[in-house]
PDB file of N, CA and C in Angstrom:
ATOM      1  N   VAL A   1       0.837  -1.184   0.000  1.00  0.00           N
ATOM      2  CA  VAL A   1       0.000   0.000   0.000  1.00  0.00           C
ATOM      3  C   VAL A   1       0.881   1.246   0.000  1.00  0.00           C
ATOM      4  N   GLU A   2       0.345   2.325  -0.481  1.00  0.00           N
ATOM      5  CA  GLU A   2       1.110   3.570  -0.499  1.00  0.00           C
ATOM      6  C   GLU A   2       1.064   4.298   0.838  1.00  0.00           C
ATOM      7  N   THR A   3      -0.008   4.102   1.595  1.00  0.00           N
ATOM      8  CA  THR A   3      -0.166   4.776   2.881  1.00  0.00           C
ATOM      9  C   THR A   3      -0.572   3.759   3.940  1.00  0.00           C
ATOM     10  N   LEU A   4       0.171   3.735   5.056  1.00  0.00           N
ATOM     11  CA  LEU A   4      -0.184   2.881   6.187  1.00  0.00           C
ATOM     12  C   LEU A   4      -1.150   3.641   7.091  1.00  0.00           C
ATOM     13  N   GLY A   5      -1.958   2.919   7.838  1.00  0.00           N
ATOM     14  CA  GLY A   5      -2.835   3.553   8.802  1.00  0.00           C
ATOM     15  C   GLY A   5      -4.246   3.007   8.802  1.00  0.00           C
ATOM     16  N   ALA A   6      -4.524   2.021   7.965  1.00  0.00           N
ATOM     17  CA  ALA A   6      -5.868   1.443   7.927  1.00  0.00           C
ATOM     18  C   ALA A   6      -6.183   0.641   9.188  1.00  0.00           C
ATOM     19  N   PHE A   7      -5.145   0.167   9.858  1.00  0.00           N
ATOM     20  CA  PHE A   7      -5.313  -0.639  11.065  1.00  0.00           C
ATOM     21  C   PHE A   7      -4.619   0.049  12.233  1.00  0.00           C
ATOM     22  N   PRO A   8      -5.039  -0.237  13.468  1.00  0.00           N
ATOM     23  CA  PRO A   8      -4.382   0.381  14.629  1.00  0.00           C
ATOM     24  C   PRO A   8      -2.889   0.054  14.665  1.00  0.00           C
ATOM     25  N   LEU A   9      -2.106   1.053  14.994  1.00  0.00           N
ATOM     26  CA  LEU A   9      -0.657   0.902  15.111  1.00  0.00           C
ATOM     27  C   LEU A   9      -0.302   0.693  16.579  1.00  0.00           C
ATOM     28  N   PRO A  10       0.337  -0.428  16.933  1.00  0.00           N
ATOM     29  CA  PRO A  10       0.756  -0.614  18.324  1.00  0.00           C
ATOM     30  C   PRO A  10       2.055   0.130  18.606  1.00  0.00           C
ATOM     31  N   VAL A  11       2.070   0.824  19.740  1.00  0.00           N
ATOM     32  CA  VAL A  11       3.267   1.538  20.185  1.00  0.00           C
ATOM     33  C   VAL A  11       3.479   1.184  21.653  1.00  0.00           C
ATOM     34  N   GLU A  12       4.638   0.600  21.964  1.00  0.00           N
ATOM     35  CA  GLU A  12       4.949   0.238  23.350  1.00  0.00           C
ATOM     36  C   GLU A  12       5.526   1.461  24.043  1.00  0.00           C
ATOM     37  N   VAL A  13       4.972   1.800  25.212  1.00  0.00           N
ATOM     38  CA  VAL A  13       5.364   3.018  25.918  1.00  0.00           C
ATOM     39  C   VAL A  13       5.575   2.759  27.408  1.00  0.00           C
ATOM     40  N   ILE A  14       6.397   3.598  28.004  1.00  0.00           N
ATOM     41  CA  ILE A  14       6.607   3.553  29.450  1.00  0.00           C
ATOM     42  C   ILE A  14       5.336   4.073  30.127  1.00  0.00           C
ATOM     43  N   PRO A  15       4.804   3.352  31.124  1.00  0.00           N
ATOM     44  CA  PRO A  15       3.530   3.747  31.729  1.00  0.00           C
ATOM     45  C   PRO A  15       3.454   5.210  32.171  1.00  0.00           C
ATOM     46  N   MET A  16       4.520   5.736  32.750  1.00  0.00           N
ATOM     47  CA  MET A  16       4.435   7.119  33.245  1.00  0.00           C
ATOM     48  C   MET A  16       4.345   8.144  32.110  1.00  0.00           C
ATOM     49  N   ALA A  17       4.624   7.732  30.871  1.00  0.00           N
ATOM     50  CA  ALA A  17       4.552   8.640  29.720  1.00  0.00           C
ATOM     51  C   ALA A  17       3.258   8.465  28.930  1.00  0.00           C
ATOM     52  N   THR A  18       2.415   7.533  29.320  1.00  0.00           N
ATOM     53  CA  THR A  18       1.231   7.182  28.547  1.00  0.00           C
ATOM     54  C   THR A  18       0.342   8.383  28.245  1.00  0.00           C
ATOM     55  N   ALA A  19      -0.046   9.135  29.256  1.00  0.00           N
ATOM     56  CA  ALA A  19      -0.968  10.260  29.052  1.00  0.00           C
ATOM     57  C   ALA A  19      -0.366  11.312  28.118  1.00  0.00           C
ATOM     58  N   ARG A  20       0.903  11.617  28.297  1.00  0.00           N
ATOM     59  CA  ARG A  20       1.548  12.622  27.444  1.00  0.00           C
ATOM     60  C   ARG A  20       1.626  12.149  26.001  1.00  0.00           C
ATOM     61  N   LEU A  21       1.926  10.868  25.801  1.00  0.00           N
ATOM     62  CA  LEU A  21       2.033  10.337  24.442  1.00  0.00           C
ATOM     63  C   LEU A  21       0.676  10.275  23.754  1.00  0.00           C
ATOM     64  N   ILE A  22      -0.377  10.010  24.498  1.00  0.00           N
ATOM     65  CA  ILE A  22      -1.732  10.068  23.928  1.00  0.00           C
ATOM     66  C   ILE A  22      -1.990  11.468  23.382  1.00  0.00           C
ATOM     67  N   LYS A  23      -1.577  12.490  24.119  1.00  0.00           N
ATOM     68  CA  LYS A  23      -1.751  13.880  23.667  1.00  0.00           C
ATOM     69  C   LYS A  23      -0.892  14.172  22.441  1.00  0.00           C
ATOM     70  N   GLN A  24       0.329  13.660  22.406  1.00  0.00           N
ATOM     71  CA  GLN A  24       1.206  13.892  21.256  1.00  0.00           C
ATOM     72  C   GLN A  24       0.623  13.279  19.988  1.00  0.00           C
ATOM     73  N   PHE A  25       0.076  12.072  20.097  1.00  0.00           N
ATOM     74  CA  PHE A  25      -0.553  11.460  18.928  1.00  0.00           C
ATOM     75  C   PHE A  25      -1.783  12.260  18.501  1.00  0.00           C
ATOM     76  N   ALA A  26      -2.530  12.796  19.460  1.00  0.00           N
ATOM     77  CA  ALA A  26      -3.699  13.619  19.131  1.00  0.00           C
ATOM     78  C   ALA A  26      -3.268  14.871  18.367  1.00  0.00           C
ATOM     79  N   GLU A  27      -2.135  15.452  18.740  1.00  0.00           N
ATOM     80  CA  GLU A  27      -1.625  16.631  18.030  1.00  0.00           C
ATOM     81  C   GLU A  27      -1.263  16.309  16.587  1.00  0.00           C
ATOM     82  N   MET A  28      -0.976  15.035  16.296  1.00  0.00           N
ATOM     83  CA  MET A  28      -0.674  14.590  14.934  1.00  0.00           C
ATOM     84  C   MET A  28      -1.945  14.212  14.165  1.00  0.00           C
ATOM     85  N   GLY A  29      -3.079  14.227  14.847  1.00  0.00           N
ATOM     86  CA  GLY A  29      -4.324  13.827  14.217  1.00  0.00           C
ATOM     87  C   GLY A  29      -4.703  12.384  14.492  1.00  0.00           C
ATOM     88  N   GLY A  30      -3.949  11.717  15.355  1.00  0.00           N
ATOM     89  CA  GLY A  30      -4.226  10.326  15.687  1.00  0.00           C
ATOM     90  C   GLY A  30      -5.031  10.206  16.967  1.00  0.00           C
ATOM     91  N   ARG A  31      -5.543   9.022  17.199  1.00  0.00           N
ATOM     92  CA  ARG A  31      -6.273   8.723  18.429  1.00  0.00           C
ATOM     93  C   ARG A  31      -5.615   7.503  19.056  1.00  0.00           C
ATOM     94  N   ALA A  32      -4.958   7.722  20.183  1.00  0.00           N
ATOM     95  CA  ALA A  32      -4.259   6.645  20.887  1.00  0.00           C
ATOM     96  C   ALA A  32      -5.073   6.218  22.099  1.00  0.00           C
ATOM     97  N   THR A  33      -5.251   4.912  22.225  1.00  0.00           N
ATOM     98  CA  THR A  33      -5.937   4.365  23.390  1.00  0.00           C
ATOM     99  C   THR A  33      -5.063   3.279  23.999  1.00  0.00           C
ATOM    100  N   VAL A  34      -5.139   3.165  25.298  1.00  0.00           N
ATOM    101  CA  VAL A  34      -4.374   2.142  26.009  1.00  0.00           C
ATOM    102  C   VAL A  34      -5.040   0.792  25.770  1.00  0.00           C
ATOM    103  N   ARG A  35      -4.256  -0.184  25.347  1.00  0.00           N
ATOM    104  CA  ARG A  35      -4.773  -1.539  25.155  1.00  0.00           C
ATOM    105  C   ARG A  35      -5.133  -2.116  26.523  1.00  0.00           C
ATOM    106  N   LEU A  36      -6.312  -2.696  26.622  1.00  0.00           N
ATOM    107  CA  LEU A  36      -6.791  -3.232  27.892  1.00  0.00           C
ATOM    108  C   LEU A  36      -6.865  -4.750  27.857  1.00  0.00           C
ATOM    109  N   LYS A  37      -6.738  -5.323  29.035  1.00  0.00           N
ATOM    110  CA  LYS A  37      -6.957  -6.755  29.238  1.00  0.00           C
ATOM    111  C   LYS A  37      -7.695  -6.880  30.563  1.00  0.00           C
ATOM    112  N   ASP A  38      -8.868  -7.464  30.521  1.00  0.00           N
ATOM    113  CA  ASP A  38      -9.706  -7.609  31.715  1.00  0.00           C
ATOM    114  C   ASP A  38      -9.974  -6.255  32.370  1.00  0.00           C
ATOM    115  N   GLY A  39     -10.160  -5.214  31.549  1.00  0.00           N
ATOM    116  CA  GLY A  39     -10.495  -3.888  32.053  1.00  0.00           C
ATOM    117  C   GLY A  39      -9.331  -3.093  32.607  1.00  0.00           C
ATOM    118  N   LYS A  40      -8.132  -3.645  32.547  1.00  0.00           N
ATOM    119  CA  LYS A  40      -6.932  -2.962  33.049  1.00  0.00           C
ATOM    120  C   LYS A  40      -5.929  -2.822  31.913  1.00  0.00           C
ATOM    121  N   PRO A  41      -5.008  -1.849  32.012  1.00  0.00           N
ATOM    122  CA  PRO A  41      -3.999  -1.733  30.956  1.00  0.00           C
ATOM    123  C   PRO A  41      -3.233  -3.038  30.772  1.00  0.00           C
ATOM    124  N   PHE A  42      -3.097  -3.445  29.519  1.00  0.00           N
ATOM    125  CA  PHE A  42      -2.288  -4.610  29.183  1.00  0.00           C
ATOM    126  C   PHE A  42      -0.837  -4.269  29.493  1.00  0.00           C
ATOM    127  N   ILE A  43      -0.140  -5.164  30.183  1.00  0.00           N
ATOM    128  CA  ILE A  43       1.262  -4.950  30.550  1.00  0.00           C
ATOM    129  C   ILE A  43       2.120  -5.925  29.743  1.00  0.00           C
ATOM    130  N   THR A  44       3.110  -5.382  29.031  1.00  0.00           N
ATOM    131  CA  THR A  44       3.989  -6.237  28.230  1.00  0.00           C
ATOM    132  C   THR A  44       4.942  -6.998  29.134  1.00  0.00           C
ATOM    133  N   ASP A  45       5.704  -7.899  28.533  1.00  0.00           N
ATOM    134  CA  ASP A  45       6.686  -8.654  29.304  1.00  0.00           C
ATOM    135  C   ASP A  45       7.795  -7.750  29.844  1.00  0.00           C
ATOM    136  N   ASN A  46       7.889  -6.531  29.306  1.00  0.00           N
ATOM    137  CA  ASN A  46       8.862  -5.545  29.801  1.00  0.00           C
ATOM    138  C   ASN A  46       8.243  -4.589  30.819  1.00  0.00           C
ATOM    139  N   GLY A  47       6.971  -4.803  31.177  1.00  0.00           N
ATOM    140  CA  GLY A  47       6.307  -3.942  32.157  1.00  0.00           C
ATOM    141  C   GLY A  47       5.780  -2.640  31.573  1.00  0.00           C
ATOM    142  N   GLN A  48       5.590  -2.592  30.268  1.00  0.00           N
ATOM    143  CA  GLN A  48       5.149  -1.363  29.597  1.00  0.00           C
ATOM    144  C   GLN A  48       3.697  -1.460  29.156  1.00  0.00           C
ATOM    145  N   HIS A  49       3.150  -0.322  28.707  1.00  0.00           N
ATOM    146  CA  HIS A  49       1.810  -0.270  28.129  1.00  0.00           C
ATOM    147  C   HIS A  49       1.903  -0.345  26.608  1.00  0.00           C
ATOM    148  N   ILE A  50       0.795  -0.719  25.983  1.00  0.00           N
ATOM    149  CA  ILE A  50       0.672  -0.657  24.532  1.00  0.00           C
ATOM    150  C   ILE A  50      -0.401   0.379  24.216  1.00  0.00           C
ATOM    151  N   LEU A  51      -0.049   1.342  23.366  1.00  0.00           N
ATOM    152  CA  LEU A  51      -1.040   2.261  22.820  1.00  0.00           C
ATOM    153  C   LEU A  51      -1.417   1.747  21.440  1.00  0.00           C
ATOM    154  N   ASP A  52      -2.712   1.697  21.162  1.00  0.00           N
ATOM    155  CA  ASP A  52      -3.190   1.389  19.820  1.00  0.00           C
ATOM    156  C   ASP A  52      -3.608   2.717  19.203  1.00  0.00           C
ATOM    157  N   VAL A  53      -2.923   3.098  18.116  1.00  0.00           N
ATOM    158  CA  VAL A  53      -3.108   4.418  17.518  1.00  0.00           C
ATOM    159  C   VAL A  53      -3.833   4.280  16.188  1.00  0.00           C
ATOM    160  N   THR A  54      -4.935   5.009  16.043  1.00  0.00           N
ATOM    161  CA  THR A  54      -5.702   5.029  14.805  1.00  0.00           C
ATOM    162  C   THR A  54      -5.741   6.456  14.260  1.00  0.00           C
ATOM    163  N   GLY A  55      -6.206   6.589  13.031  1.00  0.00           N
ATOM    164  CA  GLY A  55      -6.405   7.912  12.446  1.00  0.00           C
ATOM    165  C   GLY A  55      -5.182   8.528  11.808  1.00  0.00           C
ATOM    166  N   LEU A  56      -4.097   7.780  11.703  1.00  0.00           N
ATOM    167  CA  LEU A  56      -2.882   8.317  11.087  1.00  0.00           C
ATOM    168  C   LEU A  56      -2.786   7.854   9.641  1.00  0.00           C
ATOM    169  N   GLN A  57      -2.163   8.670   8.819  1.00  0.00           N
ATOM    170  CA  GLN A  57      -1.834   8.290   7.450  1.00  0.00           C
ATOM    171  C   GLN A  57      -0.317   8.354   7.348  1.00  0.00           C
ATOM    172  N   ILE A  58       0.304   7.189   7.286  1.00  0.00           N
ATOM    173  CA  ILE A  58       1.763   7.090   7.318  1.00  0.00           C
ATOM    174  C   ILE A  58       2.262   6.856   5.895  1.00  0.00           C
ATOM    175  N   LYS A  59       2.760   7.925   5.285  1.00  0.00           N
ATOM    176  CA  LYS A  59       3.228   7.844   3.892  1.00  0.00           C
ATOM    177  C   LYS A  59       4.707   7.519   3.799  1.00  0.00           C
ATOM    178  N   ASP A  60       5.451   7.819   4.849  1.00  0.00           N
ATOM    179  CA  ASP A  60       6.897   7.544   4.871  1.00  0.00           C
ATOM    180  C   ASP A  60       7.199   6.759   6.147  1.00  0.00           C
ATOM    181  N   PRO A  61       7.062   5.422   6.103  1.00  0.00           N
ATOM    182  CA  PRO A  61       7.227   4.609   7.312  1.00  0.00           C
ATOM    183  C   PRO A  61       8.579   4.789   8.003  1.00  0.00           C
ATOM    184  N   LEU A  62       9.667   4.899   7.243  1.00  0.00           N
ATOM    185  CA  LEU A  62      10.988   5.076   7.864  1.00  0.00           C
ATOM    186  C   LEU A  62      11.065   6.377   8.648  1.00  0.00           C
ATOM    187  N   ALA A  63      10.608   7.462   8.049  1.00  0.00           N
ATOM    188  CA  ALA A  63      10.643   8.759   8.734  1.00  0.00           C
ATOM    189  C   ALA A  63       9.718   8.761   9.947  1.00  0.00           C
ATOM    190  N   PHE A  64       8.542   8.162   9.800  1.00  0.00           N
ATOM    191  CA  PHE A  64       7.591   8.103  10.902  1.00  0.00           C
ATOM    192  C   PHE A  64       8.176   7.329  12.075  1.00  0.00           C
ATOM    193  N   GLU A  65       8.698   6.140  11.781  1.00  0.00           N
ATOM    194  CA  GLU A  65       9.276   5.311  12.852  1.00  0.00           C
ATOM    195  C   GLU A  65      10.443   6.022  13.525  1.00  0.00           C
ATOM    196  N   THR A  66      11.298   6.664  12.736  1.00  0.00           N
ATOM    197  CA  THR A  66      12.440   7.392  13.286  1.00  0.00           C
ATOM    198  C   THR A  66      11.971   8.500  14.225  1.00  0.00           C
ATOM    199  N   SER A  67      10.978   9.258  13.799  1.00  0.00           N
ATOM    200  CA  SER A  67      10.473  10.378  14.599  1.00  0.00           C
ATOM    201  C   SER A  67       9.827   9.907  15.898  1.00  0.00           C
ATOM    202  N   ILE A  68       8.901   8.978  15.809  1.00  0.00           N
ATOM    203  CA  ILE A  68       8.165   8.526  16.996  1.00  0.00           C
ATOM    204  C   ILE A  68       9.096   7.814  17.969  1.00  0.00           C
ATOM    205  N   SER A  69      10.057   7.063  17.457  1.00  0.00           N
ATOM    206  CA  SER A  69      11.000   6.347  18.326  1.00  0.00           C
ATOM    207  C   SER A  69      11.834   7.292  19.181  1.00  0.00           C
ATOM    208  N   GLN A  70      11.954   8.527  18.769  1.00  0.00           N
ATOM    209  CA  GLN A  70      12.745   9.500  19.520  1.00  0.00           C
ATOM    210  C   GLN A  70      11.946  10.228  20.598  1.00  0.00           C
ATOM    211  N   TRP A  71      10.633  10.038  20.616  1.00  0.00           N
ATOM    212  CA  TRP A  71       9.828  10.661  21.655  1.00  0.00           C
ATOM    213  C   TRP A  71      10.169  10.039  23.006  1.00  0.00           C
ATOM    214  N   PRO A  72      10.416  10.850  24.027  1.00  0.00           N
ATOM    215  CA  PRO A  72      10.659  10.288  25.353  1.00  0.00           C
ATOM    216  C   PRO A  72       9.465   9.453  25.817  1.00  0.00           C
ATOM    217  N   GLY A  73       9.746   8.246  26.270  1.00  0.00           N
ATOM    218  CA  GLY A  73       8.705   7.361  26.765  1.00  0.00           C
ATOM    219  C   GLY A  73       8.295   6.281  25.784  1.00  0.00           C
ATOM    220  N   VAL A  74       8.694   6.419  24.511  1.00  0.00           N
ATOM    221  CA  VAL A  74       8.373   5.393  23.519  1.00  0.00           C
ATOM    222  C   VAL A  74       9.452   4.315  23.569  1.00  0.00           C
ATOM    223  N   VAL A  75       9.023   3.064  23.698  1.00  0.00           N
ATOM    224  CA  VAL A  75       9.950   1.937  23.722  1.00  0.00           C
ATOM    225  C   VAL A  75      10.160   1.417  22.302  1.00  0.00           C
ATOM    226  N   THR A  76       9.061   1.153  21.591  1.00  0.00           N
ATOM    227  CA  THR A  76       9.153   0.692  20.206  1.00  0.00           C
ATOM    228  C   THR A  76       7.863   1.006  19.470  1.00  0.00           C
ATOM    229  N   VAL A  77       7.983   1.103  18.152  1.00  0.00           N
ATOM    230  CA  VAL A  77       6.858   1.439  17.287  1.00  0.00           C
ATOM    231  C   VAL A  77       6.573   0.235  16.387  1.00  0.00           C
ATOM    232  N   GLY A  78       5.316  -0.131  16.242  1.00  0.00           N
ATOM    233  CA  GLY A  78       4.943  -1.313  15.483  1.00  0.00           C
ATOM    234  C   GLY A  78       4.964  -1.174  13.974  1.00  0.00           C
ATOM    235  N   VAL A  79       5.704  -0.215  13.444  1.00  0.00           N
ATOM    236  CA  VAL A  79       5.833  -0.096  11.989  1.00  0.00           C
ATOM    237  C   VAL A  79       6.881  -1.082  11.487  1.00  0.00           C
ATOM    238  N   PHE A  80       7.967  -1.221  12.203  1.00  0.00           N
ATOM    239  CA  PHE A  80       9.066  -2.128  11.865  1.00  0.00           C
ATOM    240  C   PHE A  80       9.611  -1.884  10.460  1.00  0.00           C
ATOM    241  N   ALA A  81       9.709  -0.609  10.074  1.00  0.00           N
ATOM    242  CA  ALA A  81      10.218  -0.258   8.748  1.00  0.00           C
ATOM    243  C   ALA A  81      11.693  -0.609   8.595  1.00  0.00           C
ATOM    244  N   TYR A  82      12.422  -0.648   9.695  1.00  0.00           N
ATOM    245  CA  TYR A  82      13.844  -0.982   9.643  1.00  0.00           C
ATOM    246  C   TYR A  82      14.073  -2.490   9.695  1.00  0.00           C
ATOM    247  N   GLN A  83      13.047  -3.234  10.075  1.00  0.00           N
ATOM    248  CA  GLN A  83      13.142  -4.692  10.177  1.00  0.00           C
ATOM    249  C   GLN A  83      12.167  -5.312   9.188  1.00  0.00           C
ATOM    250  N   LYS A  84      12.494  -5.179   7.924  1.00  0.00           N
ATOM    251  CA  LYS A  84      11.587  -5.633   6.873  1.00  0.00           C
ATOM    252  C   LYS A  84      11.439  -7.151   6.882  1.00  0.00           C
ATOM    253  N   ALA A  85      10.242  -7.585   6.515  1.00  0.00           N
ATOM    254  CA  ALA A  85       9.950  -9.015   6.447  1.00  0.00           C
ATOM    255  C   ALA A  85      10.759  -9.669   5.332  1.00  0.00           C
ATOM    256  N   GLN A  86      11.200 -10.876   5.581  1.00  0.00           N
ATOM    257  CA  GLN A  86      11.893 -11.657   4.561  1.00  0.00           C
ATOM    258  C   GLN A  86      11.000 -12.761   4.017  1.00  0.00           C
ATOM    259  N   VAL A  87       9.995 -13.153   4.815  1.00  0.00           N
ATOM    260  CA  VAL A  87       9.082 -14.230   4.420  1.00  0.00           C
ATOM    261  C   VAL A  87       7.666 -13.852   4.846  1.00  0.00           C
ATOM    262  N   CYS A  88       6.703 -14.166   3.994  1.00  0.00           N
ATOM    263  CA  CYS A  88       5.291 -13.984   4.319  1.00  0.00           C
ATOM    264  C   CYS A  88       4.591 -15.311   4.098  1.00  0.00           C
ATOM    265  N   LEU A  89       3.901 -15.797   5.105  1.00  0.00           N
ATOM    266  CA  LEU A  89       3.088 -17.010   4.961  1.00  0.00           C
ATOM    267  C   LEU A  89       1.651 -16.544   4.793  1.00  0.00           C
ATOM    268  N   LEU A  90       1.117 -16.753   3.599  1.00  0.00           N
ATOM    269  CA  LEU A  90      -0.196 -16.239   3.228  1.00  0.00           C
ATOM    270  C   LEU A  90      -1.195 -17.380   3.174  1.00  0.00           C
ATOM    271  N   GLY A  91      -2.219 -17.295   4.010  1.00  0.00           N
ATOM    272  CA  GLY A  91      -3.260 -18.318   4.012  1.00  0.00           C
ATOM    273  C   GLY A  91      -4.214 -18.096   2.850  1.00  0.00           C
ATOM    274  N   THR A  92      -4.395 -19.097   2.017  1.00  0.00           N
ATOM    275  CA  THR A  92      -5.296 -19.005   0.875  1.00  0.00           C
ATOM    276  C   THR A  92      -6.280 -20.169   0.921  1.00  0.00           C
ATOM    277  N   ALA A  93      -7.275 -20.126   0.054  1.00  0.00           N
ATOM    278  CA  ALA A  93      -8.268 -21.195  -0.002  1.00  0.00           C
ATOM    279  C   ALA A  93      -7.638 -22.539  -0.372  1.00  0.00           C
ATOM    280  N   SER A  94      -6.498 -22.468  -1.078  1.00  0.00           N
ATOM    281  CA  SER A  94      -5.843 -23.716  -1.495  1.00  0.00           C
ATOM    282  C   SER A  94      -4.675 -24.098  -0.593  1.00  0.00           C
ATOM    283  N   GLY A  95      -4.518 -23.419   0.516  1.00  0.00           N
ATOM    284  CA  GLY A  95      -3.437 -23.727   1.454  1.00  0.00           C
ATOM    285  C   GLY A  95      -2.536 -22.530   1.689  1.00  0.00           C
ATOM    286  N   VAL A  96      -1.413 -22.791   2.303  1.00  0.00           N
ATOM    287  CA  VAL A  96      -0.468 -21.725   2.655  1.00  0.00           C
ATOM    288  C   VAL A  96       0.467 -21.469   1.473  1.00  0.00           C
ATOM    289  N   LYS A  97       0.585 -20.192   1.130  1.00  0.00           N
ATOM    290  CA  LYS A  97       1.497 -19.780   0.060  1.00  0.00           C
ATOM    291  C   LYS A  97       2.651 -19.028   0.726  1.00  0.00           C
ATOM    292  N   THR A  98       3.882 -19.369   0.370  1.00  0.00           N
ATOM    293  CA  THR A  98       5.053 -18.721   0.930  1.00  0.00           C
ATOM    294  C   THR A  98       5.594 -17.686  -0.046  1.00  0.00           C
ATOM    295  N   LEU A  99       5.696 -16.442   0.419  1.00  0.00           N
ATOM    296  CA  LEU A  99       6.273 -15.367  -0.367  1.00  0.00           C
ATOM    297  C   LEU A  99       7.597 -14.984   0.280  1.00  0.00           C
ATOM    298  N   THR A 100       8.637 -14.830  -0.505  1.00  0.00           N
ATOM    299  CA  THR A 100       9.930 -14.436   0.038  1.00  0.00           C
ATOM    300  C   THR A 100      10.332 -13.091  -0.557  1.00  0.00           C
ATOM    301  N   PHE A 101      11.065 -12.319   0.235  1.00  0.00           N
ATOM    302  CA  PHE A 101      11.507 -10.983  -0.161  1.00  0.00           C
ATOM    303  C   PHE A 101      12.997 -10.877   0.057  1.00  0.00           C
ATOM    304  N   GLU A 102      13.643 -10.101  -0.762  1.00  0.00           N
ATOM    305  CA  GLU A 102      15.092  -9.885  -0.597  1.00  0.00           C
ATOM    306  C   GLU A 102      15.355  -8.537  -0.012  1.00  0.00           C
TER     307      GLU A 102
END
């Protein structure tokens, strides 16, 4: 696709920065919500929160990931533009199709 943003973008954040980062995404035109589990914030294996961000149109994934990763309190961004996929396992009606990328 030419523009990312059709699905929520997960962003792992330090809990004490959650509220501020929600505001920063809102300033960009996005809507960030804390991922919940059993009515409480979902806690990652690193003890962090996950923000699910919607409403963004990401035309330059590398620049976006670079920028957001530098925000204080952001642990990682779910764009993974620097860690491109090498293999895709695609489920089809006739079985699994393997796509490879260089």
